[in-house]
Protein backbone atom coordinates (compact mmCIF):
# COMPACT_ATOMS: atom_id res chain seq x y z
CA MET A 1 -58.91 14.60 -13.35
CA ALA A 2 -56.78 15.89 -10.52
CA SER A 3 -53.49 17.58 -11.38
CA THR A 4 -50.34 16.14 -10.10
CA PRO A 5 -48.78 18.22 -7.54
CA THR A 6 -45.40 19.72 -8.56
CA LEU A 7 -42.28 18.72 -6.68
CA ALA A 8 -40.33 21.72 -7.79
CA HIS A 9 -38.83 23.87 -5.02
CA THR A 10 -40.31 27.23 -4.20
CA PRO A 11 -37.97 30.34 -4.13
CA PHE A 12 -38.50 30.26 -0.27
CA GLU A 13 -37.26 26.63 -0.14
CA ASP A 14 -34.28 27.43 -2.25
CA ALA A 15 -33.33 30.37 -0.14
CA LEU A 16 -33.77 28.34 3.09
CA ALA A 17 -31.63 25.51 1.66
CA PHE A 18 -28.94 27.99 0.65
CA LEU A 19 -28.89 29.47 4.15
CA MET A 20 -28.94 26.14 5.92
CA GLY A 21 -26.35 24.55 3.53
CA THR A 22 -23.88 27.34 3.80
CA LEU A 23 -24.18 27.67 7.64
CA PHE A 24 -23.57 23.91 8.04
CA ILE A 25 -20.48 24.14 5.96
CA ALA A 26 -19.30 27.39 7.71
CA LEU A 27 -19.79 25.61 11.17
CA GLY A 28 -18.08 22.42 9.94
CA LEU A 29 -15.09 24.51 8.75
CA ALA A 30 -15.02 26.25 12.10
CA PHE A 31 -14.63 23.02 13.96
CA LEU A 32 -11.83 21.95 11.48
CA LYS A 33 -10.10 25.33 11.91
CA ALA A 34 -10.32 25.27 15.72
CA SER A 35 -8.36 22.01 15.69
CA GLY A 36 -5.88 23.03 13.04
CA LEU A 37 -7.34 20.52 10.46
CA GLY A 38 -7.84 20.92 6.79
CA ILE A 39 -10.15 19.47 4.09
CA GLY A 40 -9.97 18.74 0.44
CA GLY A 41 -10.84 20.80 -2.54
CA THR A 42 -10.61 24.58 -2.76
CA ALA A 43 -11.62 24.84 0.93
CA GLY A 44 -8.45 22.83 1.67
CA LEU A 45 -6.30 25.14 -0.36
CA ALA A 46 -7.86 28.17 1.39
CA PHE A 47 -7.01 26.56 4.74
CA LEU A 48 -3.42 26.18 3.64
CA ALA A 49 -3.29 29.82 2.64
CA HIS A 50 -4.71 30.71 5.93
CA PHE A 51 -2.41 28.59 7.98
CA GLY A 52 0.70 29.37 5.98
CA ALA A 53 0.29 33.00 5.26
CA GLY A 54 -2.36 34.24 7.58
CA LEU A 55 -4.72 35.21 4.79
CA GLU A 56 -8.42 35.57 5.38
CA PHE A 57 -10.01 32.16 4.63
CA GLY A 58 -13.39 33.47 3.35
CA LEU A 59 -11.78 35.82 0.80
CA ILE A 60 -9.22 33.30 -0.40
CA PHE A 61 -11.91 30.64 -0.71
CA PHE A 62 -14.02 32.91 -2.91
CA LEU A 63 -11.08 34.04 -5.05
CA LEU A 64 -9.89 30.37 -5.57
CA ASN A 65 -13.29 29.42 -6.91
CA LEU A 66 -13.53 32.13 -9.54
CA PRO A 67 -11.85 30.10 -12.26
CA PHE A 68 -14.08 27.12 -11.57
CA PHE A 69 -17.16 29.09 -12.11
CA THR A 70 -16.37 29.03 -15.83
CA PHE A 71 -16.71 25.17 -15.64
CA ALA A 72 -20.03 25.64 -13.85
CA TYR A 73 -21.35 27.63 -16.75
CA LEU A 74 -20.11 25.22 -19.36
CA VAL A 75 -21.47 22.20 -17.66
CA PHE A 76 -24.65 23.33 -15.94
CA GLY A 77 -25.56 26.62 -17.58
CA ARG A 78 -26.19 30.16 -16.40
CA ALA A 79 -28.75 29.40 -13.62
CA TYR A 80 -26.42 27.05 -11.85
CA LEU A 81 -23.46 29.47 -12.19
CA LEU A 82 -25.50 32.27 -10.60
CA ARG A 83 -26.70 30.01 -7.80
CA SER A 84 -23.11 28.72 -7.17
CA ILE A 85 -21.73 32.29 -7.07
CA LEU A 86 -24.38 33.20 -4.59
CA ALA A 87 -23.76 30.16 -2.41
CA THR A 88 -19.95 30.78 -2.46
CA ALA A 89 -20.38 34.40 -1.50
CA MET A 90 -22.71 33.53 1.27
CA LEU A 91 -20.32 30.94 2.70
CA SER A 92 -17.33 33.37 2.35
CA ILE A 93 -19.29 36.06 4.40
CA GLU A 94 -20.52 33.54 6.97
CA VAL A 95 -17.07 32.11 7.56
CA MET A 96 -15.68 35.66 8.19
CA LEU A 97 -18.67 36.64 10.50
CA LEU A 98 -19.09 33.37 12.40
CA PRO A 99 -16.35 34.10 15.01
CA LEU A 100 -18.54 37.08 16.13
CA PHE A 101 -21.14 34.53 17.20
CA VAL A 102 -19.30 31.33 17.96
CA THR A 103 -16.02 30.74 19.57
CA LEU A 104 -14.51 27.14 19.75
CA ASP A 105 -11.71 27.28 22.33
CA GLN A 106 -11.38 23.52 23.20
CA VAL A 107 -12.40 20.90 20.69
CA ASN A 108 -11.33 17.26 20.57
CA PRO A 109 -9.56 16.94 17.14
CA TYR A 110 -11.13 13.59 16.46
CA PHE A 111 -14.58 14.85 17.24
CA ALA A 112 -13.75 17.99 15.10
CA ALA A 113 -12.69 15.84 12.09
CA VAL A 114 -15.82 13.65 12.17
CA LEU A 115 -18.38 16.46 12.88
CA GLY A 116 -16.69 19.04 10.67
CA GLY A 117 -16.60 16.53 7.70
CA LEU A 118 -20.19 15.55 8.32
CA LEU A 119 -21.48 19.09 8.62
CA CYS A 120 -19.59 20.02 5.42
CA GLY A 121 -21.10 16.96 3.62
CA MET A 122 -24.61 17.80 4.73
CA GLY A 123 -24.21 21.47 3.73
CA MET A 124 -23.01 20.47 0.34
CA LEU A 125 -25.83 17.94 -0.14
CA ALA A 126 -28.40 20.62 0.58
CA LEU A 127 -26.87 22.88 -2.04
CA ILE A 128 -26.53 20.12 -4.69
CA ARG A 129 -30.15 19.22 -4.18
CA HIS A 130 -31.13 22.76 -4.87
CA HIS A 131 -28.93 22.95 -8.01
CA ALA A 132 -26.04 24.97 -6.72
CA GLY A 133 -22.48 24.21 -5.75
CA LEU A 134 -19.31 25.92 -4.37
CA GLY A 135 -17.36 25.71 -7.64
CA GLY A 136 -13.99 24.07 -7.10
CA PHE A 137 -12.86 20.62 -8.14
CA ALA A 138 -16.18 18.97 -8.14
CA THR A 139 -17.37 21.20 -11.12
CA ALA A 140 -14.04 20.63 -12.98
CA ALA A 141 -14.35 16.81 -12.42
CA VAL A 142 -17.73 16.70 -13.88
CA TYR A 143 -16.58 18.63 -16.97
CA LEU A 144 -13.58 16.33 -17.41
CA GLN A 145 -15.93 13.28 -17.12
CA GLU A 146 -18.26 14.62 -19.90
CA ARG A 147 -15.51 15.88 -22.10
CA PHE A 148 -12.83 13.02 -21.78
CA GLY A 149 -14.72 10.30 -20.07
CA TRP A 150 -12.56 10.52 -16.89
CA ARG A 151 -14.43 9.11 -13.81
CA ALA A 152 -15.28 12.27 -11.80
CA GLY A 153 -14.90 10.35 -8.41
CA ARG A 154 -11.32 9.36 -9.32
CA VAL A 155 -10.54 12.96 -10.39
CA LEU A 156 -11.84 14.30 -7.10
CA MET A 157 -9.82 11.72 -5.13
CA VAL A 158 -6.61 12.60 -6.96
CA ALA A 159 -7.28 16.33 -6.34
CA ASP A 160 -8.07 15.89 -2.66
CA CYS A 161 -4.94 13.71 -2.24
CA CYS A 162 -2.78 16.48 -3.78
CA VAL A 163 -4.25 19.06 -1.35
CA VAL A 164 -3.76 16.66 1.66
CA ALA A 165 -0.22 15.94 0.52
CA ALA A 166 0.47 19.72 0.35
CA ALA A 167 -0.77 19.88 3.84
CA PHE A 168 2.28 18.01 5.12
CA MET A 169 4.39 21.07 4.44
CA LEU A 170 2.37 23.15 7.04
CA LEU A 171 0.56 20.67 9.36
CA GLU A 172 1.88 17.97 11.59
CA PRO A 173 1.35 14.28 10.38
CA ARG A 174 -1.34 13.72 13.02
CA GLN A 175 -3.25 16.72 11.71
CA VAL A 176 -2.99 15.56 8.14
CA LEU A 177 -4.43 12.16 8.97
CA LEU A 178 -7.27 13.66 10.87
CA SER A 179 -7.84 15.94 7.79
CA VAL A 180 -8.14 12.77 5.77
CA LEU A 181 -10.67 11.45 8.17
CA ALA A 182 -12.67 14.73 7.71
CA VAL A 183 -12.58 14.32 3.93
CA ILE A 184 -13.78 10.71 4.22
CA CYS A 185 -16.69 11.72 6.44
CA LEU A 186 -17.72 14.42 3.95
CA ASN A 187 -17.55 12.09 0.99
CA LEU A 188 -19.51 9.41 2.83
CA VAL A 189 -22.41 11.78 3.24
CA LEU A 190 -22.48 12.42 -0.47
CA ALA A 191 -22.02 8.76 -1.39
CA PHE A 192 -24.86 7.61 0.84
CA TYR A 193 -27.36 10.36 0.20
CA HIS A 194 -26.65 11.73 -3.29
CA LYS A 195 -27.51 8.95 -5.69
CA PRO A 196 -28.91 9.18 -9.22
CA GLY A 197 -32.69 8.98 -9.36
CA ARG A 198 -33.21 9.23 -5.57
CA TYR A 199 -34.05 12.93 -5.51
CA SER A 200 -35.86 14.54 -8.49
CA ALA A 201 -37.09 17.91 -7.15
CA CYS A 202 -35.60 20.94 -8.80
């Protein structure tokens, strides 16, 4: 009797997904940054720190995610935690090094909002499908859903709305609205392509 081939990802496939996923997100963030736009989650908070205080985005993004790694450990275990720390570190380094290879001088802000959001969404999708994340509100939302029964989607929506609302202090209304568009594009990717039971490889 022929054995059923395994669908589990190989270490090479995991490594390639980590590289592609984080590079997609880094490039998406570069488009948003070039147009003065933000995004939700801890990435949005890091953008606000960058625009408001001139702090290095990659470093702030990594530091902001450190508390959320505790949630990653509680909800998904040690393996997911280590993968998430690796993915976050890779993204932080790539964001800092990307300007050495790519310079975006003139980008239409509407195009930047759509493409930036879609690239970030596809990058996050690649990481999720290989059992990794970037810490942040998503992990906390899952924990609150399992612990208190709060809907994770609603928790994320409230968190992103708070970040976008804070952006009004630093960004023009047009930039904030385009940032909302970027968040919508990101979440559309996850809503359409990350559904329970659709993808079972691990």
